[in-house]
Amino acid sequence: MSLNERKQALVRDTIWEAAIDLFAEKGFNETTIDDIAASAGTSRRSVFRYFESKSDFMAQPIVSFGNSLIDLIRNCPASYSPAEILRRTLLTVAKNAASTPRTKKVMAIAAKYPEARQAQISRIAEIQELVTDALAERFRRTSRDCTVSRLLAALIPALLGVVMRNWFESDQCDISKIVENVLEGLRQVSDVRKAPK
């Protein structure tokens, strides 16, 4: 990034962090844009330069996770199977999320305020489409491979959601163990050969 881009990213991050801290302290509905601007040491106009609304603050982590997923999918070795792509993307994004200081605050806000949660949910479909496209680039475009791409694109965000919720609700510090537990659960429910006819 250029120096100017780095400065813009720093300002954006400062505003976002101030907003999340205020949402956690005062409440999502109770916090105003003016509160956020004052806490970030900037103007209301600067806030709106980076974020369209309060909901946009809550959607930001979803967009970041989506960008990480797409980069990971594109950079996985060509030899990786769909299962290896699934494991690597889940593990890497979950570890990054768990190491981000405000992740638990964001999750607590989303759990408490339906409007905040809806802001996140509204971005997941968009991310799923982008993930589908990234996966389609990796696989041949036969109907079978399109099905695999679509399944993975649906599974990755859904499983990531389960991993993060289990992490948020537990005292487990090692998120890689939670990822393995979720993948084991997926193996148990996906063995359709054992299902009664």
N, C-alpha and C. Protein backbone atom coordinates (compact mmCIF):
# COMPACT_ATOMS: atom_id res chain seq x y z
N MET A 1 0.84 -1.19 0.00
CA MET A 1 0.00 0.00 0.00
C MET A 1 0.88 1.24 0.00
N SER A 2 0.34 2.28 -0.60
CA SER A 2 1.04 3.56 -0.58
C SER A 2 0.91 4.16 0.82
N LEU A 3 1.68 5.22 1.07
CA LEU A 3 1.62 5.90 2.36
C LEU A 3 0.21 6.43 2.63
N ASN A 4 -0.40 7.00 1.60
CA ASN A 4 -1.76 7.53 1.74
C ASN A 4 -2.76 6.42 2.06
N GLU A 5 -2.62 5.29 1.39
CA GLU A 5 -3.52 4.15 1.66
C GLU A 5 -3.34 3.63 3.07
N ARG A 6 -2.10 3.60 3.54
CA ARG A 6 -1.84 3.16 4.92
C ARG A 6 -2.47 4.11 5.93
N LYS A 7 -2.38 5.41 5.65
CA LYS A 7 -3.00 6.41 6.53
C LYS A 7 -4.52 6.23 6.56
N GLN A 8 -5.10 6.02 5.38
CA GLN A 8 -6.55 5.82 5.32
C GLN A 8 -6.96 4.56 6.08
N ALA A 9 -6.19 3.50 5.95
CA ALA A 9 -6.50 2.26 6.66
C ALA A 9 -6.40 2.47 8.17
N LEU A 10 -5.41 3.25 8.60
CA LEU A 10 -5.24 3.54 10.02
C LEU A 10 -6.43 4.34 10.57
N VAL A 11 -6.87 5.34 9.81
CA VAL A 11 -8.02 6.14 10.23
C VAL A 11 -9.27 5.26 10.30
N ARG A 12 -9.47 4.45 9.27
CA ARG A 12 -10.63 3.56 9.23
C ARG A 12 -10.62 2.61 10.43
N ASP A 13 -9.47 2.01 10.71
CA ASP A 13 -9.36 1.09 11.84
C ASP A 13 -9.62 1.79 13.17
N THR A 14 -9.12 3.01 13.31
CA THR A 14 -9.33 3.78 14.54
C THR A 14 -10.82 4.06 14.75
N ILE A 15 -11.50 4.44 13.69
CA ILE A 15 -12.95 4.71 13.77
C ILE A 15 -13.70 3.43 14.10
N TRP A 16 -13.35 2.34 13.42
CA TRP A 16 -14.03 1.07 13.66
C TRP A 16 -13.84 0.60 15.10
N GLU A 17 -12.62 0.68 15.59
CA GLU A 17 -12.34 0.24 16.96
C GLU A 17 -13.10 1.09 17.97
N ALA A 18 -13.17 2.39 17.73
CA ALA A 18 -13.92 3.28 18.63
C ALA A 18 -15.39 2.90 18.64
N ALA A 19 -15.93 2.60 17.45
CA ALA A 19 -17.35 2.23 17.36
C ALA A 19 -17.63 0.94 18.11
N ILE A 20 -16.81 -0.09 17.91
CA ILE A 20 -17.04 -1.37 18.57
C ILE A 20 -16.92 -1.23 20.08
N ASP A 21 -15.94 -0.47 20.54
CA ASP A 21 -15.80 -0.25 21.98
C ASP A 21 -17.03 0.45 22.56
N LEU A 22 -17.55 1.44 21.84
CA LEU A 22 -18.74 2.14 22.30
C LEU A 22 -19.98 1.26 22.27
N PHE A 23 -20.13 0.46 21.20
CA PHE A 23 -21.28 -0.45 21.13
C PHE A 23 -21.26 -1.40 22.33
N ALA A 24 -20.07 -1.88 22.68
CA ALA A 24 -19.94 -2.82 23.79
C ALA A 24 -20.21 -2.12 25.13
N GLU A 25 -19.81 -0.87 25.24
CA GLU A 25 -19.94 -0.13 26.51
C GLU A 25 -21.34 0.48 26.68
N LYS A 26 -21.80 1.21 25.65
CA LYS A 26 -23.07 1.95 25.76
C LYS A 26 -24.25 1.19 25.18
N GLY A 27 -23.98 0.34 24.21
CA GLY A 27 -25.05 -0.35 23.49
C GLY A 27 -25.07 0.07 22.04
N PHE A 28 -25.45 -0.85 21.17
CA PHE A 28 -25.48 -0.58 19.73
C PHE A 28 -26.51 0.50 19.41
N ASN A 29 -27.73 0.35 19.94
CA ASN A 29 -28.79 1.31 19.65
C ASN A 29 -28.53 2.67 20.30
N GLU A 30 -27.87 2.66 21.43
CA GLU A 30 -27.65 3.89 22.19
C GLU A 30 -26.50 4.74 21.67
N THR A 31 -25.60 4.15 20.91
CA THR A 31 -24.43 4.88 20.40
C THR A 31 -24.79 5.64 19.13
N THR A 32 -24.37 6.89 19.06
CA THR A 32 -24.63 7.70 17.86
C THR A 32 -23.34 7.85 17.04
N ILE A 33 -23.53 8.28 15.82
CA ILE A 33 -22.37 8.57 14.96
C ILE A 33 -21.52 9.67 15.57
N ASP A 34 -22.16 10.65 16.20
CA ASP A 34 -21.40 11.72 16.87
C ASP A 34 -20.55 11.16 18.01
N ASP A 35 -21.10 10.19 18.75
CA ASP A 35 -20.33 9.54 19.82
C ASP A 35 -19.08 8.88 19.23
N ILE A 36 -19.26 8.19 18.12
CA ILE A 36 -18.15 7.47 17.48
C ILE A 36 -17.09 8.47 17.01
N ALA A 37 -17.54 9.54 16.36
CA ALA A 37 -16.60 10.55 15.86
C ALA A 37 -15.79 11.15 17.01
N ALA A 38 -16.47 11.48 18.11
CA ALA A 38 -15.77 12.07 19.26
C ALA A 38 -14.77 11.09 19.85
N SER A 39 -15.17 9.85 19.99
CA SER A 39 -14.28 8.84 20.57
C SER A 39 -13.06 8.57 19.69
N ALA A 40 -13.26 8.63 18.37
CA ALA A 40 -12.16 8.39 17.43
C ALA A 40 -11.31 9.63 17.20
N GLY A 41 -11.76 10.78 17.73
CA GLY A 41 -11.00 12.01 17.53
C GLY A 41 -11.07 12.51 16.11
N THR A 42 -12.24 12.33 15.49
CA THR A 42 -12.40 12.77 14.10
C THR A 42 -13.76 13.43 13.95
N SER A 43 -14.12 13.78 12.74
CA SER A 43 -15.39 14.45 12.49
C SER A 43 -16.45 13.45 12.03
N ARG A 44 -17.69 13.86 12.16
CA ARG A 44 -18.82 13.05 11.66
C ARG A 44 -18.64 12.77 10.16
N ARG A 45 -18.18 13.80 9.45
CA ARG A 45 -17.97 13.65 8.00
C ARG A 45 -16.92 12.56 7.71
N SER A 46 -15.85 12.53 8.51
CA SER A 46 -14.83 11.50 8.32
C SER A 46 -15.38 10.11 8.59
N VAL A 47 -16.24 10.00 9.59
CA VAL A 47 -16.85 8.69 9.87
C VAL A 47 -17.61 8.21 8.64
N PHE A 48 -18.42 9.11 8.06
CA PHE A 48 -19.22 8.72 6.89
C PHE A 48 -18.38 8.52 5.63
N ARG A 49 -17.16 9.01 5.63
CA ARG A 49 -16.26 8.74 4.50
C ARG A 49 -15.90 7.25 4.45
N TYR A 50 -15.86 6.61 5.62
CA TYR A 50 -15.43 5.21 5.69
C TYR A 50 -16.58 4.23 5.96
N PHE A 51 -17.63 4.70 6.62
CA PHE A 51 -18.73 3.81 6.99
C PHE A 51 -20.06 4.51 6.68
N GLU A 52 -20.95 3.80 6.00
CA GLU A 52 -22.22 4.39 5.59
C GLU A 52 -23.21 4.52 6.75
N SER A 53 -23.13 3.58 7.71
CA SER A 53 -24.10 3.55 8.80
C SER A 53 -23.52 2.76 9.96
N LYS A 54 -24.26 2.74 11.08
CA LYS A 54 -23.81 1.93 12.21
C LYS A 54 -23.76 0.45 11.83
N SER A 55 -24.69 0.02 11.00
CA SER A 55 -24.70 -1.38 10.56
C SER A 55 -23.42 -1.75 9.82
N ASP A 56 -22.86 -0.78 9.12
CA ASP A 56 -21.64 -1.01 8.35
C ASP A 56 -20.47 -1.39 9.26
N PHE A 57 -20.47 -0.87 10.48
CA PHE A 57 -19.42 -1.23 11.44
C PHE A 57 -19.49 -2.73 11.77
N MET A 58 -20.71 -3.24 11.91
CA MET A 58 -20.89 -4.65 12.27
C MET A 58 -20.62 -5.57 11.09
N ALA A 59 -20.83 -5.07 9.89
CA ALA A 59 -20.59 -5.88 8.69
C ALA A 59 -19.11 -5.98 8.36
N GLN A 60 -18.32 -5.03 8.85
CA GLN A 60 -16.89 -4.96 8.50
C GLN A 60 -16.14 -6.27 8.76
N PRO A 61 -16.30 -6.92 9.94
CA PRO A 61 -15.58 -8.18 10.16
C PRO A 61 -15.97 -9.27 9.16
N ILE A 62 -17.23 -9.30 8.76
CA ILE A 62 -17.69 -10.31 7.79
C ILE A 62 -17.00 -10.07 6.45
N VAL A 63 -16.92 -8.83 6.04
CA VAL A 63 -16.24 -8.49 4.78
C VAL A 63 -14.76 -8.88 4.86
N SER A 64 -14.13 -8.59 6.00
CA SER A 64 -12.71 -8.95 6.17
C SER A 64 -12.50 -10.45 6.12
N PHE A 65 -13.39 -11.20 6.80
CA PHE A 65 -13.28 -12.66 6.78
C PHE A 65 -13.50 -13.18 5.35
N GLY A 66 -14.44 -12.57 4.65
CA GLY A 66 -14.70 -12.99 3.27
C GLY A 66 -13.50 -12.77 2.38
N ASN A 67 -12.86 -11.62 2.52
CA ASN A 67 -11.65 -11.33 1.73
C ASN A 67 -10.54 -12.32 2.06
N SER A 68 -10.42 -12.65 3.34
CA SER A 68 -9.41 -13.64 3.75
C SER A 68 -9.71 -15.00 3.14
N LEU A 69 -10.97 -15.41 3.16
CA LEU A 69 -11.36 -16.70 2.57
C LEU A 69 -10.99 -16.76 1.10
N ILE A 70 -11.32 -15.71 0.38
CA ILE A 70 -11.06 -15.69 -1.06
C ILE A 70 -9.56 -15.76 -1.34
N ASP A 71 -8.77 -14.99 -0.59
CA ASP A 71 -7.31 -15.03 -0.76
C ASP A 71 -6.77 -16.42 -0.46
N LEU A 72 -7.26 -17.03 0.60
CA LEU A 72 -6.80 -18.38 0.97
C LEU A 72 -7.14 -19.40 -0.11
N ILE A 73 -8.35 -19.34 -0.61
CA ILE A 73 -8.78 -20.28 -1.65
C ILE A 73 -7.90 -20.13 -2.89
N ARG A 74 -7.66 -18.90 -3.28
CA ARG A 74 -6.85 -18.66 -4.47
C ARG A 74 -5.39 -19.07 -4.28
N ASN A 75 -4.90 -19.01 -3.03
CA ASN A 75 -3.49 -19.31 -2.77
C ASN A 75 -3.22 -20.72 -2.26
N CYS A 76 -4.27 -21.53 -2.12
CA CYS A 76 -4.05 -22.93 -1.75
C CYS A 76 -3.29 -23.62 -2.88
N PRO A 77 -2.37 -24.53 -2.53
CA PRO A 77 -1.68 -25.27 -3.58
C PRO A 77 -2.65 -25.96 -4.54
N ALA A 78 -2.27 -26.03 -5.80
CA ALA A 78 -3.15 -26.63 -6.82
C ALA A 78 -3.47 -28.08 -6.51
N SER A 79 -2.60 -28.74 -5.76
CA SER A 79 -2.81 -30.15 -5.44
C SER A 79 -3.84 -30.38 -4.33
N TYR A 80 -4.29 -29.32 -3.66
CA TYR A 80 -5.23 -29.49 -2.54
C TYR A 80 -6.57 -30.04 -3.01
N SER A 81 -7.08 -30.98 -2.25
CA SER A 81 -8.42 -31.53 -2.49
C SER A 81 -9.45 -30.56 -1.90
N PRO A 82 -10.73 -30.71 -2.23
CA PRO A 82 -11.75 -29.88 -1.59
C PRO A 82 -11.71 -29.97 -0.06
N ALA A 83 -11.48 -31.15 0.48
CA ALA A 83 -11.41 -31.31 1.94
C ALA A 83 -10.23 -30.55 2.53
N GLU A 84 -9.11 -30.55 1.82
CA GLU A 84 -7.93 -29.81 2.31
C GLU A 84 -8.17 -28.30 2.25
N ILE A 85 -8.85 -27.84 1.21
CA ILE A 85 -9.20 -26.42 1.10
C ILE A 85 -10.12 -26.03 2.25
N LEU A 86 -11.10 -26.88 2.51
CA LEU A 86 -12.04 -26.62 3.61
C LEU A 86 -11.31 -26.51 4.94
N ARG A 87 -10.46 -27.48 5.24
CA ARG A 87 -9.74 -27.47 6.52
C ARG A 87 -8.83 -26.24 6.63
N ARG A 88 -8.07 -25.95 5.58
CA ARG A 88 -7.11 -24.85 5.65
C ARG A 88 -7.82 -23.50 5.82
N THR A 89 -8.89 -23.28 5.05
CA THR A 89 -9.58 -22.00 5.14
C THR A 89 -10.24 -21.83 6.51
N LEU A 90 -10.88 -22.88 7.00
CA LEU A 90 -11.51 -22.79 8.32
C LEU A 90 -10.49 -22.49 9.40
N LEU A 91 -9.42 -23.25 9.40
CA LEU A 91 -8.40 -23.12 10.44
C LEU A 91 -7.74 -21.74 10.41
N THR A 92 -7.37 -21.28 9.23
CA THR A 92 -6.66 -20.00 9.12
C THR A 92 -7.55 -18.82 9.49
N VAL A 93 -8.77 -18.79 8.94
CA VAL A 93 -9.66 -17.66 9.23
C VAL A 93 -10.08 -17.68 10.69
N ALA A 94 -10.35 -18.86 11.24
CA ALA A 94 -10.75 -18.94 12.66
C ALA A 94 -9.61 -18.47 13.57
N LYS A 95 -8.38 -18.89 13.27
CA LYS A 95 -7.24 -18.44 14.09
C LYS A 95 -7.06 -16.93 14.00
N ASN A 96 -7.19 -16.37 12.80
CA ASN A 96 -7.07 -14.92 12.64
C ASN A 96 -8.17 -14.19 13.42
N ALA A 97 -9.38 -14.71 13.34
CA ALA A 97 -10.50 -14.07 14.05
C ALA A 97 -10.29 -14.13 15.56
N ALA A 98 -9.85 -15.29 16.05
CA ALA A 98 -9.66 -15.46 17.49
C ALA A 98 -8.53 -14.58 18.02
N SER A 99 -7.57 -14.25 17.15
CA SER A 99 -6.44 -13.42 17.59
C SER A 99 -6.74 -11.93 17.48
N THR A 100 -7.87 -11.58 16.89
CA THR A 100 -8.25 -10.17 16.76
C THR A 100 -8.90 -9.72 18.07
N PRO A 101 -8.36 -8.69 18.71
CA PRO A 101 -8.80 -8.32 20.06
C PRO A 101 -10.30 -8.06 20.21
N ARG A 102 -10.95 -7.51 19.22
CA ARG A 102 -12.35 -7.12 19.38
C ARG A 102 -13.35 -8.15 18.86
N THR A 103 -12.90 -9.33 18.45
CA THR A 103 -13.82 -10.32 17.91
C THR A 103 -14.91 -10.70 18.90
N LYS A 104 -14.53 -10.97 20.15
CA LYS A 104 -15.55 -11.35 21.14
C LYS A 104 -16.52 -10.21 21.41
N LYS A 105 -16.03 -8.97 21.38
CA LYS A 105 -16.93 -7.83 21.56
C LYS A 105 -17.95 -7.78 20.43
N VAL A 106 -17.48 -7.95 19.19
CA VAL A 106 -18.37 -7.91 18.03
C VAL A 106 -19.43 -9.01 18.17
N MET A 107 -19.01 -10.20 18.58
CA MET A 107 -19.95 -11.31 18.70
C MET A 107 -20.96 -11.06 19.82
N ALA A 108 -20.51 -10.46 20.91
CA ALA A 108 -21.42 -10.15 22.02
C ALA A 108 -22.45 -9.10 21.59
N ILE A 109 -22.01 -8.12 20.82
CA ILE A 109 -22.93 -7.08 20.32
C ILE A 109 -23.96 -7.71 19.39
N ALA A 110 -23.50 -8.56 18.47
CA ALA A 110 -24.41 -9.22 17.53
C ALA A 110 -25.40 -10.13 18.25
N ALA A 111 -24.95 -10.77 19.33
CA ALA A 111 -25.84 -11.65 20.09
C ALA A 111 -26.93 -10.86 20.82
N LYS A 112 -26.62 -9.64 21.22
CA LYS A 112 -27.55 -8.84 22.02
C LYS A 112 -28.51 -7.99 21.18
N TYR A 113 -28.03 -7.52 20.03
CA TYR A 113 -28.82 -6.57 19.24
C TYR A 113 -29.18 -7.17 17.88
N PRO A 114 -30.47 -7.43 17.63
CA PRO A 114 -30.89 -8.02 16.34
C PRO A 114 -30.45 -7.19 15.13
N GLU A 115 -30.46 -5.85 15.25
CA GLU A 115 -30.06 -5.01 14.12
C GLU A 115 -28.59 -5.22 13.78
N ALA A 116 -27.78 -5.38 14.79
CA ALA A 116 -26.34 -5.61 14.57
C ALA A 116 -26.12 -6.99 13.93
N ARG A 117 -26.85 -7.97 14.42
CA ARG A 117 -26.74 -9.33 13.87
C ARG A 117 -27.20 -9.35 12.41
N GLN A 118 -28.30 -8.65 12.11
CA GLN A 118 -28.82 -8.61 10.74
C GLN A 118 -27.81 -7.96 9.79
N ALA A 119 -27.08 -6.98 10.28
CA ALA A 119 -26.06 -6.33 9.44
C ALA A 119 -25.01 -7.33 9.00
N GLN A 120 -24.67 -8.26 9.89
CA GLN A 120 -23.69 -9.29 9.54
C GLN A 120 -24.29 -10.32 8.59
N ILE A 121 -25.49 -10.77 8.91
CA ILE A 121 -26.15 -11.80 8.08
C ILE A 121 -26.33 -11.31 6.65
N SER A 122 -26.65 -10.02 6.50
CA SER A 122 -26.91 -9.48 5.17
C SER A 122 -25.68 -9.55 4.26
N ARG A 123 -24.49 -9.61 4.84
CA ARG A 123 -23.28 -9.66 4.02
C ARG A 123 -22.83 -11.08 3.70
N ILE A 124 -23.37 -12.07 4.41
CA ILE A 124 -22.91 -13.45 4.23
C ILE A 124 -23.24 -13.97 2.84
N ALA A 125 -24.44 -13.66 2.31
CA ALA A 125 -24.81 -14.12 0.97
C ALA A 125 -23.86 -13.56 -0.08
N GLU A 126 -23.48 -12.31 0.07
CA GLU A 126 -22.52 -11.68 -0.85
C GLU A 126 -21.17 -12.40 -0.79
N ILE A 127 -20.72 -12.69 0.42
CA ILE A 127 -19.45 -13.40 0.60
C ILE A 127 -19.53 -14.79 -0.02
N GLN A 128 -20.66 -15.47 0.17
CA GLN A 128 -20.82 -16.81 -0.38
C GLN A 128 -20.70 -16.82 -1.90
N GLU A 129 -21.26 -15.80 -2.56
CA GLU A 129 -21.14 -15.70 -4.01
C GLU A 129 -19.68 -15.53 -4.45
N LEU A 130 -18.96 -14.68 -3.74
CA LEU A 130 -17.55 -14.45 -4.07
C LEU A 130 -16.71 -15.71 -3.82
N VAL A 131 -17.03 -16.42 -2.74
CA VAL A 131 -16.32 -17.67 -2.45
C VAL A 131 -16.64 -18.71 -3.52
N THR A 132 -17.89 -18.77 -3.96
CA THR A 132 -18.28 -19.69 -5.04
C THR A 132 -17.46 -19.42 -6.29
N ASP A 133 -17.32 -18.15 -6.64
CA ASP A 133 -16.54 -17.78 -7.83
C ASP A 133 -15.07 -18.17 -7.68
N ALA A 134 -14.51 -17.93 -6.49
CA ALA A 134 -13.10 -18.28 -6.26
C ALA A 134 -12.89 -19.79 -6.36
N LEU A 135 -13.84 -20.55 -5.83
CA LEU A 135 -13.74 -22.01 -5.91
C LEU A 135 -13.92 -22.51 -7.34
N ALA A 136 -14.83 -21.90 -8.07
CA ALA A 136 -15.07 -22.31 -9.46
C ALA A 136 -13.82 -22.13 -10.31
N GLU A 137 -13.01 -21.13 -9.98
CA GLU A 137 -11.75 -20.92 -10.71
C GLU A 137 -10.78 -22.08 -10.49
N ARG A 138 -10.89 -22.74 -9.34
CA ARG A 138 -9.97 -23.82 -9.00
C ARG A 138 -10.33 -25.15 -9.65
N PHE A 139 -11.62 -25.36 -9.88
CA PHE A 139 -12.09 -26.65 -10.36
C PHE A 139 -12.55 -26.54 -11.81
N ARG A 140 -12.50 -27.69 -12.48
CA ARG A 140 -13.02 -27.72 -13.85
C ARG A 140 -14.52 -27.45 -13.79
N ARG A 141 -15.06 -26.96 -14.86
CA ARG A 141 -16.46 -26.54 -14.86
C ARG A 141 -17.40 -27.65 -15.33
N THR A 142 -17.21 -28.85 -14.86
CA THR A 142 -18.19 -29.91 -15.08
C THR A 142 -19.30 -29.73 -14.06
N SER A 143 -20.43 -30.38 -14.28
CA SER A 143 -21.54 -30.23 -13.35
C SER A 143 -21.16 -30.75 -11.97
N ARG A 144 -20.34 -31.82 -11.93
CA ARG A 144 -19.93 -32.37 -10.64
C ARG A 144 -19.06 -31.36 -9.88
N ASP A 145 -18.12 -30.73 -10.58
CA ASP A 145 -17.23 -29.78 -9.93
C ASP A 145 -17.97 -28.49 -9.54
N CYS A 146 -18.98 -28.11 -10.33
CA CYS A 146 -19.81 -26.96 -9.94
C CYS A 146 -20.55 -27.27 -8.64
N THR A 147 -21.01 -28.52 -8.52
CA THR A 147 -21.69 -28.93 -7.28
C THR A 147 -20.72 -28.87 -6.10
N VAL A 148 -19.50 -29.35 -6.30
CA VAL A 148 -18.50 -29.31 -5.23
C VAL A 148 -18.21 -27.86 -4.84
N SER A 149 -18.05 -26.98 -5.83
CA SER A 149 -17.78 -25.56 -5.55
C SER A 149 -18.92 -24.96 -4.74
N ARG A 150 -20.15 -25.24 -5.14
CA ARG A 150 -21.30 -24.67 -4.43
C ARG A 150 -21.44 -25.24 -3.03
N LEU A 151 -21.17 -26.53 -2.88
CA LEU A 151 -21.22 -27.13 -1.54
C LEU A 151 -20.17 -26.50 -0.63
N LEU A 152 -18.95 -26.39 -1.12
CA LEU A 152 -17.89 -25.78 -0.32
C LEU A 152 -18.21 -24.33 0.02
N ALA A 153 -18.75 -23.60 -0.96
CA ALA A 153 -19.07 -22.19 -0.73
C ALA A 153 -20.16 -22.04 0.32
N ALA A 154 -21.07 -23.00 0.40
CA ALA A 154 -22.10 -22.96 1.44
C ALA A 154 -21.54 -23.44 2.78
N LEU A 155 -20.70 -24.47 2.73
CA LEU A 155 -20.17 -25.05 3.97
C LEU A 155 -19.18 -24.15 4.69
N ILE A 156 -18.29 -23.52 3.97
CA ILE A 156 -17.22 -22.76 4.62
C ILE A 156 -17.77 -21.66 5.54
N PRO A 157 -18.65 -20.76 5.04
CA PRO A 157 -19.18 -19.74 5.96
C PRO A 157 -20.02 -20.34 7.09
N ALA A 158 -20.80 -21.40 6.77
CA ALA A 158 -21.64 -22.01 7.80
C ALA A 158 -20.79 -22.66 8.89
N LEU A 159 -19.79 -23.41 8.50
CA LEU A 159 -18.92 -24.07 9.49
C LEU A 159 -18.10 -23.05 10.26
N LEU A 160 -17.67 -22.00 9.58
CA LEU A 160 -16.93 -20.94 10.28
C LEU A 160 -17.82 -20.31 11.35
N GLY A 161 -19.10 -20.14 11.01
CA GLY A 161 -20.04 -19.61 12.00
C GLY A 161 -20.18 -20.51 13.21
N VAL A 162 -20.21 -21.83 12.98
CA VAL A 162 -20.31 -22.79 14.10
C VAL A 162 -19.03 -22.75 14.93
N VAL A 163 -17.88 -22.73 14.26
CA VAL A 163 -16.60 -22.66 14.98
C VAL A 163 -16.54 -21.43 15.88
N MET A 164 -16.89 -20.27 15.30
CA MET A 164 -16.79 -19.03 16.07
C MET A 164 -17.79 -18.99 17.21
N ARG A 165 -18.98 -19.52 16.98
CA ARG A 165 -19.97 -19.53 18.07
C ARG A 165 -19.53 -20.45 19.19
N ASN A 166 -19.01 -21.64 18.84
CA ASN A 166 -18.52 -22.56 19.87
C ASN A 166 -17.37 -21.94 20.65
N TRP A 167 -16.49 -21.23 19.94
CA TRP A 167 -15.36 -20.56 20.60
C TRP A 167 -15.86 -19.45 21.53
N PHE A 168 -16.82 -18.67 21.06
CA PHE A 168 -17.36 -17.56 21.83
C PHE A 168 -18.05 -18.05 23.12
N GLU A 169 -18.75 -19.17 23.01
CA GLU A 169 -19.53 -19.67 24.14
C GLU A 169 -18.74 -20.57 25.08
N SER A 170 -17.51 -20.89 24.73
CA SER A 170 -16.72 -21.81 25.57
C SER A 170 -15.52 -21.09 26.17
N ASP A 171 -14.85 -21.80 27.05
CA ASP A 171 -13.61 -21.28 27.63
C ASP A 171 -12.39 -21.81 26.87
N GLN A 172 -12.64 -22.50 25.77
CA GLN A 172 -11.56 -23.12 24.99
C GLN A 172 -10.72 -22.02 24.33
N CYS A 173 -9.45 -22.01 24.62
CA CYS A 173 -8.55 -21.00 24.03
C CYS A 173 -7.99 -21.44 22.68
N ASP A 174 -7.81 -22.75 22.51
CA ASP A 174 -7.21 -23.26 21.28
C ASP A 174 -8.30 -23.48 20.23
N ILE A 175 -8.45 -22.49 19.35
CA ILE A 175 -9.53 -22.57 18.37
C ILE A 175 -9.30 -23.69 17.35
N SER A 176 -8.05 -24.12 17.18
CA SER A 176 -7.79 -25.23 16.25
C SER A 176 -8.48 -26.51 16.72
N LYS A 177 -8.60 -26.70 18.04
CA LYS A 177 -9.32 -27.88 18.56
C LYS A 177 -10.81 -27.77 18.27
N ILE A 178 -11.32 -26.58 18.33
CA ILE A 178 -12.73 -26.38 18.00
C ILE A 178 -12.97 -26.66 16.52
N VAL A 179 -12.05 -26.22 15.67
CA VAL A 179 -12.16 -26.52 14.23
C VAL A 179 -12.19 -28.03 14.01
N GLU A 180 -11.30 -28.75 14.67
CA GLU A 180 -11.26 -30.21 14.51
C GLU A 180 -12.55 -30.86 15.00
N ASN A 181 -13.10 -30.36 16.11
CA ASN A 181 -14.37 -30.90 16.62
C ASN A 181 -15.51 -30.66 15.64
N VAL A 182 -15.53 -29.48 15.03
CA VAL A 182 -16.58 -29.16 14.06
C VAL A 182 -16.42 -30.03 12.82
N LEU A 183 -15.19 -30.23 12.35
CA LEU A 183 -14.97 -31.10 11.18
C LEU A 183 -15.35 -32.54 11.49
N GLU A 184 -15.08 -32.99 12.71
CA GLU A 184 -15.50 -34.34 13.10
C GLU A 184 -17.02 -34.44 13.11
N GLY A 185 -17.68 -33.40 13.61
CA GLY A 185 -19.14 -33.37 13.57
C GLY A 185 -19.67 -33.43 12.15
N LEU A 186 -19.01 -32.71 11.24
CA LEU A 186 -19.40 -32.74 9.83
C LEU A 186 -19.26 -34.15 9.27
N ARG A 187 -18.16 -34.83 9.61
CA ARG A 187 -17.98 -36.21 9.14
C ARG A 187 -19.11 -37.11 9.62
N GLN A 188 -19.52 -36.92 10.87
CA GLN A 188 -20.58 -37.76 11.44
C GLN A 188 -21.92 -37.54 10.74
N VAL A 189 -22.24 -36.28 10.43
CA VAL A 189 -23.56 -36.02 9.82
C VAL A 189 -23.54 -36.20 8.31
N SER A 190 -22.37 -36.29 7.69
CA SER A 190 -22.32 -36.37 6.22
C SER A 190 -22.22 -37.79 5.69
N ASP A 191 -22.15 -38.77 6.57
CA ASP A 191 -22.06 -40.16 6.10
C ASP A 191 -23.45 -40.68 5.78
N VAL A 192 -23.94 -40.26 4.61
CA VAL A 192 -25.30 -40.62 4.21
C VAL A 192 -25.45 -42.08 3.86
N ARG A 193 -24.34 -42.79 3.66
CA ARG A 193 -24.42 -44.22 3.34
C ARG A 193 -25.04 -45.00 4.46
N LYS A 194 -24.91 -44.50 5.68
CA LYS A 194 -25.44 -45.22 6.84
C LYS A 194 -26.90 -44.83 7.13
N ALA A 195 -27.41 -43.87 6.39
CA ALA A 195 -28.78 -43.43 6.66
C ALA A 195 -29.76 -44.51 6.22
N PRO A 196 -30.86 -44.69 6.98
CA PRO A 196 -31.86 -45.70 6.58
C PRO A 196 -32.51 -45.32 5.27
N LYS A 197 -32.88 -46.33 4.52
CA LYS A 197 -33.52 -46.10 3.21
C LYS A 197 -34.99 -45.78 3.39
